[in-house]
Amino acid sequence: MHDGDTAPYDKRNFVLMLSELALALRSHGLLLTAALAASETIASISYDIAGIVPHLDFINLMAYDYNGAWSNFTGHNAPLFAGPSDQNDFQRTLNVQHSINYWLSQGAPASKLVLGVPAYGRTFTLANSAVNGLRAPAEGPGQPGPYTGQYGYIAYHESSLDQ
């Protein structure tokens, strides 16, 4: 989760940087795209969406990492919709549908939005193996995959291996 360390002038400076970069790139016939946080929680404090839209040809929304080992419970990495296990208003925002609707409501045209889809999953170590499923208490990241070797992370090709 973002720790809120964005300075008030960062939003404006990001718009100014994109403006200058777009001008320079377009003079050479090049496009400007950016991979940006999809979730409202992060996007609302990080970006002036209406300000950046004119300067970007495409906005690649990183619509993943909504849940992970940094939480004290399990959850889908990139849920498409809010679900019945979401226990509060904040959890109900951690999904692709809410993120896309937020960006659209802030002035981003659908024609510029590109949905980032993860080819990996987040893993967890359960606090109690008898209590499992969505929103089950978790103690931290799950064991690493045999190829990626990263705790709390498993690549798509590792998820179907017999282990």
N, C-alpha and C. Protein backbone atom coordinates (compact mmCIF):
# COMPACT_ATOMS: atom_id res chain seq x y z
N MET A 1 0.84 -1.17 0.00
CA MET A 1 0.00 0.00 0.00
C MET A 1 0.89 1.23 0.00
N HIS A 2 0.49 2.22 -0.71
CA HIS A 2 1.21 3.49 -0.79
C HIS A 2 1.20 4.15 0.58
N ASP A 3 2.32 4.69 1.01
CA ASP A 3 2.41 5.27 2.34
C ASP A 3 2.05 6.75 2.40
N GLY A 4 1.57 7.32 1.31
CA GLY A 4 1.10 8.70 1.32
C GLY A 4 2.20 9.73 1.33
N ASP A 5 3.38 9.39 0.87
CA ASP A 5 4.51 10.31 0.93
C ASP A 5 4.61 11.24 -0.27
N THR A 6 3.53 11.40 -1.01
CA THR A 6 3.53 12.27 -2.18
C THR A 6 3.41 13.73 -1.75
N ALA A 7 4.32 14.56 -2.20
CA ALA A 7 4.25 15.99 -1.89
C ALA A 7 3.16 16.63 -2.74
N PRO A 8 2.53 17.70 -2.25
CA PRO A 8 1.43 18.34 -2.98
C PRO A 8 1.81 18.80 -4.38
N TYR A 9 3.05 19.19 -4.57
CA TYR A 9 3.47 19.69 -5.88
C TYR A 9 3.83 18.57 -6.85
N ASP A 10 3.91 17.32 -6.37
CA ASP A 10 4.27 16.20 -7.25
C ASP A 10 3.26 15.99 -8.37
N LYS A 11 1.98 16.12 -8.06
CA LYS A 11 0.95 15.95 -9.09
C LYS A 11 1.18 16.95 -10.22
N ARG A 12 1.37 18.19 -9.86
CA ARG A 12 1.55 19.25 -10.86
C ARG A 12 2.85 19.06 -11.63
N ASN A 13 3.91 18.71 -10.94
CA ASN A 13 5.19 18.48 -11.62
C ASN A 13 5.12 17.31 -12.59
N PHE A 14 4.34 16.29 -12.25
CA PHE A 14 4.18 15.15 -13.15
C PHE A 14 3.49 15.59 -14.43
N VAL A 15 2.47 16.43 -14.30
CA VAL A 15 1.78 16.96 -15.49
C VAL A 15 2.76 17.77 -16.34
N LEU A 16 3.54 18.63 -15.71
CA LEU A 16 4.51 19.45 -16.44
C LEU A 16 5.56 18.59 -17.14
N MET A 17 6.05 17.56 -16.45
CA MET A 17 7.04 16.68 -17.07
C MET A 17 6.45 15.97 -18.29
N LEU A 18 5.22 15.44 -18.14
CA LEU A 18 4.59 14.76 -19.27
C LEU A 18 4.35 15.71 -20.43
N SER A 19 3.98 16.94 -20.12
CA SER A 19 3.74 17.94 -21.16
C SER A 19 5.00 18.18 -21.98
N GLU A 20 6.12 18.39 -21.31
CA GLU A 20 7.38 18.64 -22.01
C GLU A 20 7.86 17.40 -22.76
N LEU A 21 7.71 16.25 -22.13
CA LEU A 21 8.14 15.00 -22.77
C LEU A 21 7.30 14.70 -24.00
N ALA A 22 5.99 14.90 -23.90
CA ALA A 22 5.10 14.65 -25.04
C ALA A 22 5.45 15.56 -26.20
N LEU A 23 5.71 16.83 -25.92
CA LEU A 23 6.08 17.78 -26.96
C LEU A 23 7.35 17.32 -27.68
N ALA A 24 8.35 16.92 -26.92
CA ALA A 24 9.61 16.48 -27.52
C ALA A 24 9.43 15.19 -28.33
N LEU A 25 8.68 14.24 -27.79
CA LEU A 25 8.51 12.96 -28.49
C LEU A 25 7.65 13.09 -29.74
N ARG A 26 6.59 13.86 -29.64
CA ARG A 26 5.69 14.00 -30.79
C ARG A 26 6.36 14.72 -31.95
N SER A 27 7.33 15.57 -31.65
CA SER A 27 8.05 16.24 -32.74
C SER A 27 8.87 15.23 -33.56
N HIS A 28 9.06 14.04 -33.00
CA HIS A 28 9.76 12.96 -33.71
C HIS A 28 8.81 11.84 -34.12
N GLY A 29 7.51 12.10 -34.02
CA GLY A 29 6.51 11.11 -34.41
C GLY A 29 6.37 9.95 -33.44
N LEU A 30 6.77 10.15 -32.19
CA LEU A 30 6.72 9.08 -31.20
C LEU A 30 5.54 9.24 -30.25
N LEU A 31 5.12 8.13 -29.67
CA LEU A 31 4.03 8.12 -28.70
C LEU A 31 4.58 8.24 -27.29
N LEU A 32 3.73 8.69 -26.38
CA LEU A 32 4.07 8.71 -24.96
C LEU A 32 3.00 7.94 -24.21
N THR A 33 3.43 6.92 -23.49
CA THR A 33 2.53 6.13 -22.65
C THR A 33 3.12 6.09 -21.25
N ALA A 34 2.30 5.70 -20.29
CA ALA A 34 2.78 5.56 -18.92
C ALA A 34 2.04 4.40 -18.26
N ALA A 35 2.75 3.65 -17.45
CA ALA A 35 2.15 2.61 -16.61
C ALA A 35 1.89 3.24 -15.26
N LEU A 36 0.62 3.34 -14.89
CA LEU A 36 0.23 4.06 -13.68
C LEU A 36 -0.61 3.19 -12.76
N ALA A 37 -0.59 3.52 -11.49
CA ALA A 37 -1.38 2.80 -10.50
C ALA A 37 -2.86 2.90 -10.85
N ALA A 38 -3.55 1.79 -10.79
CA ALA A 38 -4.97 1.77 -11.15
C ALA A 38 -5.88 2.13 -9.99
N SER A 39 -5.53 1.74 -8.78
CA SER A 39 -6.45 1.88 -7.66
C SER A 39 -6.71 3.34 -7.31
N GLU A 40 -7.95 3.62 -6.96
CA GLU A 40 -8.34 4.98 -6.58
C GLU A 40 -7.51 5.49 -5.42
N THR A 41 -7.24 4.63 -4.45
CA THR A 41 -6.49 5.04 -3.26
C THR A 41 -5.15 5.66 -3.62
N ILE A 42 -4.45 5.06 -4.55
CA ILE A 42 -3.13 5.57 -4.94
C ILE A 42 -3.26 6.65 -6.01
N ALA A 43 -4.09 6.40 -7.02
CA ALA A 43 -4.22 7.36 -8.13
C ALA A 43 -4.71 8.72 -7.66
N SER A 44 -5.63 8.73 -6.69
CA SER A 44 -6.21 10.00 -6.25
C SER A 44 -5.19 10.93 -5.59
N ILE A 45 -4.17 10.36 -4.97
CA ILE A 45 -3.15 11.21 -4.34
C ILE A 45 -1.92 11.39 -5.21
N SER A 46 -1.81 10.59 -6.26
CA SER A 46 -0.60 10.61 -7.08
C SER A 46 -0.72 11.36 -8.39
N TYR A 47 -1.93 11.40 -8.98
CA TYR A 47 -2.07 11.93 -10.33
C TYR A 47 -3.19 12.95 -10.44
N ASP A 48 -2.95 13.97 -11.24
CA ASP A 48 -4.00 14.86 -11.72
C ASP A 48 -4.44 14.24 -13.04
N ILE A 49 -5.42 13.35 -12.96
CA ILE A 49 -5.79 12.55 -14.13
C ILE A 49 -6.22 13.43 -15.30
N ALA A 50 -7.08 14.40 -15.04
CA ALA A 50 -7.51 15.29 -16.13
C ALA A 50 -6.32 16.05 -16.72
N GLY A 51 -5.31 16.32 -15.90
CA GLY A 51 -4.13 17.04 -16.38
C GLY A 51 -3.18 16.19 -17.21
N ILE A 52 -3.10 14.90 -16.90
CA ILE A 52 -2.15 14.06 -17.63
C ILE A 52 -2.72 13.48 -18.92
N VAL A 53 -4.04 13.34 -18.97
CA VAL A 53 -4.69 12.71 -20.13
C VAL A 53 -4.29 13.34 -21.47
N PRO A 54 -4.26 14.67 -21.61
CA PRO A 54 -3.92 15.24 -22.92
C PRO A 54 -2.50 14.91 -23.40
N HIS A 55 -1.63 14.57 -22.48
CA HIS A 55 -0.22 14.36 -22.84
C HIS A 55 0.13 12.90 -23.11
N LEU A 56 -0.76 11.99 -22.75
CA LEU A 56 -0.48 10.56 -22.92
C LEU A 56 -1.31 9.99 -24.06
N ASP A 57 -0.66 9.19 -24.89
CA ASP A 57 -1.38 8.51 -25.97
C ASP A 57 -2.14 7.30 -25.43
N PHE A 58 -1.54 6.62 -24.46
CA PHE A 58 -2.18 5.50 -23.79
C PHE A 58 -1.79 5.52 -22.32
N ILE A 59 -2.70 5.05 -21.49
CA ILE A 59 -2.46 4.93 -20.05
C ILE A 59 -2.58 3.45 -19.71
N ASN A 60 -1.46 2.85 -19.36
CA ASN A 60 -1.43 1.44 -18.99
C ASN A 60 -1.73 1.33 -17.50
N LEU A 61 -2.94 0.91 -17.17
CA LEU A 61 -3.33 0.82 -15.77
C LEU A 61 -2.83 -0.48 -15.16
N MET A 62 -2.04 -0.35 -14.13
CA MET A 62 -1.50 -1.51 -13.43
C MET A 62 -2.58 -2.04 -12.48
N ALA A 63 -3.50 -2.80 -13.04
CA ALA A 63 -4.67 -3.29 -12.31
C ALA A 63 -4.36 -4.64 -11.66
N TYR A 64 -3.41 -4.63 -10.75
CA TYR A 64 -3.00 -5.83 -10.03
C TYR A 64 -2.33 -5.40 -8.74
N ASP A 65 -1.96 -6.37 -7.95
CA ASP A 65 -1.38 -6.12 -6.62
C ASP A 65 -2.38 -5.41 -5.70
N TYR A 66 -3.65 -5.73 -5.87
CA TYR A 66 -4.67 -5.19 -4.97
C TYR A 66 -4.55 -5.83 -3.59
N ASN A 67 -4.10 -7.06 -3.55
CA ASN A 67 -3.90 -7.79 -2.29
C ASN A 67 -2.57 -8.51 -2.37
N GLY A 68 -1.97 -8.72 -1.22
CA GLY A 68 -0.69 -9.43 -1.17
C GLY A 68 -0.25 -9.63 0.26
N ALA A 69 0.95 -10.12 0.44
CA ALA A 69 1.46 -10.47 1.76
C ALA A 69 1.59 -9.26 2.69
N TRP A 70 1.53 -8.06 2.17
CA TRP A 70 1.59 -6.87 3.01
C TRP A 70 0.31 -6.70 3.82
N SER A 71 -0.75 -7.42 3.45
CA SER A 71 -2.00 -7.40 4.21
C SER A 71 -1.95 -8.53 5.24
N ASN A 72 -2.86 -8.48 6.18
CA ASN A 72 -2.90 -9.56 7.18
C ASN A 72 -4.02 -10.56 6.86
N PHE A 73 -4.40 -10.61 5.59
CA PHE A 73 -5.43 -11.54 5.14
C PHE A 73 -5.19 -11.87 3.67
N THR A 74 -5.77 -12.97 3.22
CA THR A 74 -5.62 -13.38 1.82
C THR A 74 -6.60 -12.61 0.94
N GLY A 75 -6.28 -12.53 -0.33
CA GLY A 75 -7.16 -11.87 -1.30
C GLY A 75 -6.64 -12.08 -2.70
N HIS A 76 -7.51 -11.89 -3.67
CA HIS A 76 -7.11 -12.03 -5.07
C HIS A 76 -6.13 -10.93 -5.47
N ASN A 77 -5.18 -11.27 -6.30
CA ASN A 77 -4.20 -10.32 -6.81
C ASN A 77 -4.86 -9.25 -7.68
N ALA A 78 -5.77 -9.67 -8.55
CA ALA A 78 -6.41 -8.74 -9.49
C ALA A 78 -7.88 -9.11 -9.68
N PRO A 79 -8.70 -8.93 -8.64
CA PRO A 79 -10.12 -9.28 -8.78
C PRO A 79 -10.81 -8.35 -9.78
N LEU A 80 -11.66 -8.93 -10.61
CA LEU A 80 -12.39 -8.11 -11.58
C LEU A 80 -13.44 -7.26 -10.91
N PHE A 81 -14.11 -7.80 -9.90
CA PHE A 81 -15.21 -7.11 -9.24
C PHE A 81 -15.06 -7.22 -7.73
N ALA A 82 -15.78 -6.37 -7.00
CA ALA A 82 -15.88 -6.54 -5.56
C ALA A 82 -16.61 -7.84 -5.29
N GLY A 83 -16.32 -8.46 -4.17
CA GLY A 83 -16.95 -9.74 -3.87
C GLY A 83 -17.58 -9.77 -2.49
N PRO A 84 -18.31 -10.82 -2.20
CA PRO A 84 -19.00 -10.93 -0.92
C PRO A 84 -18.06 -11.00 0.28
N SER A 85 -16.80 -11.37 0.05
CA SER A 85 -15.85 -11.43 1.17
C SER A 85 -15.24 -10.07 1.50
N ASP A 86 -15.47 -9.07 0.66
CA ASP A 86 -14.97 -7.72 0.95
C ASP A 86 -15.73 -7.17 2.15
N GLN A 87 -15.00 -6.81 3.19
CA GLN A 87 -15.62 -6.51 4.48
C GLN A 87 -15.87 -5.03 4.75
N ASN A 88 -15.35 -4.15 3.91
CA ASN A 88 -15.57 -2.72 4.17
C ASN A 88 -15.47 -1.96 2.85
N ASP A 89 -15.76 -0.67 2.91
CA ASP A 89 -15.76 0.15 1.69
C ASP A 89 -14.40 0.16 1.01
N PHE A 90 -13.32 0.20 1.79
CA PHE A 90 -11.99 0.21 1.20
C PHE A 90 -11.75 -1.07 0.41
N GLN A 91 -12.05 -2.23 0.99
CA GLN A 91 -11.84 -3.49 0.29
C GLN A 91 -12.69 -3.56 -0.97
N ARG A 92 -13.85 -2.94 -0.96
CA ARG A 92 -14.72 -2.96 -2.14
C ARG A 92 -14.18 -2.09 -3.28
N THR A 93 -13.14 -1.29 -3.02
CA THR A 93 -12.51 -0.50 -4.10
C THR A 93 -11.34 -1.24 -4.74
N LEU A 94 -10.91 -2.32 -4.15
CA LEU A 94 -9.71 -3.03 -4.62
C LEU A 94 -10.06 -4.05 -5.69
N ASN A 95 -10.48 -3.56 -6.84
CA ASN A 95 -10.83 -4.43 -7.96
C ASN A 95 -10.75 -3.64 -9.26
N VAL A 96 -10.68 -4.37 -10.35
CA VAL A 96 -10.51 -3.77 -11.67
C VAL A 96 -11.69 -2.88 -12.03
N GLN A 97 -12.91 -3.36 -11.81
CA GLN A 97 -14.09 -2.57 -12.18
C GLN A 97 -14.09 -1.21 -11.50
N HIS A 98 -13.83 -1.18 -10.21
CA HIS A 98 -13.83 0.10 -9.49
C HIS A 98 -12.73 1.01 -10.02
N SER A 99 -11.56 0.45 -10.26
CA SER A 99 -10.44 1.26 -10.75
C SER A 99 -10.74 1.87 -12.12
N ILE A 100 -11.24 1.07 -13.04
CA ILE A 100 -11.57 1.58 -14.38
C ILE A 100 -12.63 2.67 -14.27
N ASN A 101 -13.67 2.41 -13.49
CA ASN A 101 -14.73 3.42 -13.32
C ASN A 101 -14.19 4.70 -12.70
N TYR A 102 -13.25 4.58 -11.77
CA TYR A 102 -12.64 5.77 -11.17
C TYR A 102 -11.89 6.58 -12.23
N TRP A 103 -11.05 5.93 -13.01
CA TRP A 103 -10.28 6.64 -14.04
C TRP A 103 -11.21 7.30 -15.05
N LEU A 104 -12.26 6.61 -15.45
CA LEU A 104 -13.23 7.20 -16.39
C LEU A 104 -13.91 8.42 -15.76
N SER A 105 -14.27 8.32 -14.49
CA SER A 105 -14.96 9.43 -13.81
C SER A 105 -14.06 10.65 -13.65
N GLN A 106 -12.75 10.45 -13.71
CA GLN A 106 -11.79 11.55 -13.56
C GLN A 106 -11.36 12.14 -14.89
N GLY A 107 -11.98 11.69 -15.98
CA GLY A 107 -11.71 12.29 -17.28
C GLY A 107 -10.84 11.50 -18.22
N ALA A 108 -10.44 10.30 -17.84
CA ALA A 108 -9.64 9.47 -18.75
C ALA A 108 -10.58 8.82 -19.76
N PRO A 109 -10.36 9.04 -21.05
CA PRO A 109 -11.23 8.40 -22.05
C PRO A 109 -10.92 6.90 -22.16
N ALA A 110 -11.95 6.12 -22.34
CA ALA A 110 -11.78 4.67 -22.47
C ALA A 110 -10.81 4.31 -23.59
N SER A 111 -10.78 5.12 -24.63
CA SER A 111 -9.91 4.84 -25.78
C SER A 111 -8.42 4.93 -25.44
N LYS A 112 -8.08 5.55 -24.31
CA LYS A 112 -6.67 5.65 -23.92
C LYS A 112 -6.28 4.65 -22.84
N LEU A 113 -7.25 3.98 -22.24
CA LEU A 113 -6.95 3.07 -21.13
C LEU A 113 -6.58 1.68 -21.64
N VAL A 114 -5.47 1.17 -21.14
CA VAL A 114 -5.01 -0.18 -21.45
C VAL A 114 -4.94 -0.93 -20.12
N LEU A 115 -5.64 -2.04 -20.04
CA LEU A 115 -5.72 -2.79 -18.80
C LEU A 115 -4.52 -3.71 -18.64
N GLY A 116 -3.77 -3.50 -17.58
CA GLY A 116 -2.66 -4.39 -17.26
C GLY A 116 -3.17 -5.61 -16.53
N VAL A 117 -2.85 -6.79 -17.06
CA VAL A 117 -3.32 -8.05 -16.48
C VAL A 117 -2.10 -8.83 -16.00
N PRO A 118 -2.08 -9.26 -14.75
CA PRO A 118 -0.91 -9.96 -14.25
C PRO A 118 -0.83 -11.40 -14.74
N ALA A 119 0.36 -11.86 -15.00
CA ALA A 119 0.60 -13.26 -15.33
C ALA A 119 1.32 -13.91 -14.15
N TYR A 120 0.93 -13.51 -12.96
CA TYR A 120 1.50 -14.04 -11.73
C TYR A 120 0.45 -13.94 -10.64
N GLY A 121 0.70 -14.60 -9.55
CA GLY A 121 -0.21 -14.54 -8.41
C GLY A 121 0.54 -14.18 -7.15
N ARG A 122 -0.20 -13.78 -6.17
CA ARG A 122 0.35 -13.49 -4.85
C ARG A 122 0.04 -14.68 -3.94
N THR A 123 1.00 -15.04 -3.11
CA THR A 123 0.82 -16.17 -2.21
C THR A 123 0.94 -15.72 -0.77
N PHE A 124 0.39 -16.53 0.12
CA PHE A 124 0.30 -16.17 1.53
C PHE A 124 0.66 -17.37 2.40
N THR A 125 1.12 -17.10 3.59
CA THR A 125 1.24 -18.11 4.63
C THR A 125 0.07 -17.89 5.57
N LEU A 126 -0.78 -18.89 5.68
CA LEU A 126 -1.98 -18.77 6.51
C LEU A 126 -1.61 -18.77 7.99
N ALA A 127 -2.35 -18.00 8.77
CA ALA A 127 -2.17 -18.00 10.21
C ALA A 127 -2.59 -19.34 10.80
N ASN A 128 -3.61 -19.95 10.18
CA ASN A 128 -4.13 -21.24 10.62
C ASN A 128 -4.59 -21.97 9.36
N SER A 129 -3.96 -23.09 9.04
CA SER A 129 -4.29 -23.78 7.79
C SER A 129 -5.73 -24.27 7.74
N ALA A 130 -6.38 -24.38 8.87
CA ALA A 130 -7.79 -24.80 8.89
C ALA A 130 -8.72 -23.65 8.52
N VAL A 131 -8.21 -22.44 8.58
CA VAL A 131 -9.00 -21.25 8.21
C VAL A 131 -8.40 -20.74 6.91
N ASN A 132 -9.07 -21.04 5.79
CA ASN A 132 -8.52 -20.68 4.49
C ASN A 132 -9.59 -20.07 3.61
N GLY A 133 -9.20 -19.64 2.43
CA GLY A 133 -10.12 -18.99 1.51
C GLY A 133 -9.89 -17.49 1.49
N LEU A 134 -10.77 -16.79 0.82
CA LEU A 134 -10.64 -15.33 0.73
C LEU A 134 -10.82 -14.68 2.10
N ARG A 135 -9.96 -13.72 2.39
CA ARG A 135 -9.94 -12.96 3.63
C ARG A 135 -9.57 -13.80 4.85
N ALA A 136 -8.95 -14.96 4.62
CA ALA A 136 -8.44 -15.77 5.73
C ALA A 136 -7.25 -15.06 6.35
N PRO A 137 -7.08 -15.13 7.66
CA PRO A 137 -5.93 -14.50 8.30
C PRO A 137 -4.61 -15.05 7.75
N ALA A 138 -3.69 -14.15 7.46
CA ALA A 138 -2.38 -14.53 6.91
C ALA A 138 -1.28 -13.94 7.77
N GLU A 139 -0.17 -14.68 7.85
CA GLU A 139 0.99 -14.24 8.64
C GLU A 139 2.07 -13.58 7.81
N GLY A 140 1.98 -13.72 6.49
CA GLY A 140 3.01 -13.16 5.65
C GLY A 140 3.00 -13.81 4.28
N PRO A 141 4.10 -13.66 3.53
CA PRO A 141 4.15 -14.20 2.17
C PRO A 141 4.23 -15.72 2.17
N GLY A 142 3.74 -16.31 1.07
CA GLY A 142 3.86 -17.74 0.86
C GLY A 142 5.25 -18.11 0.39
N GLN A 143 5.49 -19.40 0.29
CA GLN A 143 6.79 -19.91 -0.16
C GLN A 143 7.06 -19.49 -1.61
N PRO A 144 8.32 -19.32 -1.97
CA PRO A 144 8.64 -18.92 -3.33
C PRO A 144 8.41 -20.05 -4.33
N GLY A 145 8.16 -19.67 -5.57
CA GLY A 145 8.05 -20.65 -6.64
C GLY A 145 9.43 -21.19 -6.98
N PRO A 146 9.49 -22.36 -7.64
CA PRO A 146 10.78 -22.97 -7.94
C PRO A 146 11.63 -22.20 -8.94
N TYR A 147 11.03 -21.35 -9.74
CA TYR A 147 11.80 -20.60 -10.74
C TYR A 147 11.99 -19.14 -10.35
N THR A 148 10.94 -18.51 -9.85
CA THR A 148 11.07 -17.10 -9.48
C THR A 148 11.84 -16.93 -8.19
N GLY A 149 11.67 -17.85 -7.25
CA GLY A 149 12.41 -17.78 -6.00
C GLY A 149 12.06 -16.59 -5.13
N GLN A 150 10.87 -16.03 -5.29
CA GLN A 150 10.48 -14.84 -4.55
C GLN A 150 9.32 -15.17 -3.62
N TYR A 151 9.48 -14.91 -2.34
CA TYR A 151 8.41 -15.15 -1.37
C TYR A 151 7.20 -14.28 -1.70
N GLY A 152 6.00 -14.86 -1.58
CA GLY A 152 4.77 -14.12 -1.80
C GLY A 152 4.40 -13.92 -3.26
N TYR A 153 5.11 -14.57 -4.15
CA TYR A 153 4.94 -14.35 -5.59
C TYR A 153 5.10 -15.68 -6.31
N ILE A 154 4.23 -15.94 -7.27
CA ILE A 154 4.36 -17.14 -8.08
C ILE A 154 4.00 -16.78 -9.51
N ALA A 155 4.88 -17.11 -10.44
CA ALA A 155 4.62 -16.82 -11.85
C ALA A 155 3.55 -17.77 -12.38
N TYR A 156 2.90 -17.34 -13.44
CA TYR A 156 1.83 -18.13 -14.04
C TYR A 156 2.29 -19.54 -14.36
N HIS A 157 3.46 -19.67 -14.95
CA HIS A 157 3.94 -21.00 -15.34
C HIS A 157 4.29 -21.88 -14.14
N GLU A 158 4.45 -21.30 -12.96
CA GLU A 158 4.72 -22.09 -11.76
C GLU A 158 3.44 -22.57 -11.09
N SER A 159 2.33 -21.92 -11.37
CA SER A 159 1.09 -22.23 -10.66
C SER A 159 0.52 -23.59 -11.01
N SER A 160 0.92 -24.17 -12.13
CA SER A 160 0.37 -25.46 -12.53
C SER A 160 1.35 -26.61 -12.34
N LEU A 161 2.47 -26.35 -11.71
CA LEU A 161 3.46 -27.40 -11.48
C LEU A 161 3.04 -28.29 -10.32
N ASP A 162 3.34 -29.56 -10.42
CA ASP A 162 3.14 -30.47 -9.28
C ASP A 162 4.29 -30.23 -8.31
N GLN A 163 3.95 -29.80 -7.13
CA GLN A 163 4.99 -29.49 -6.14
C GLN A 163 4.83 -30.34 -4.91
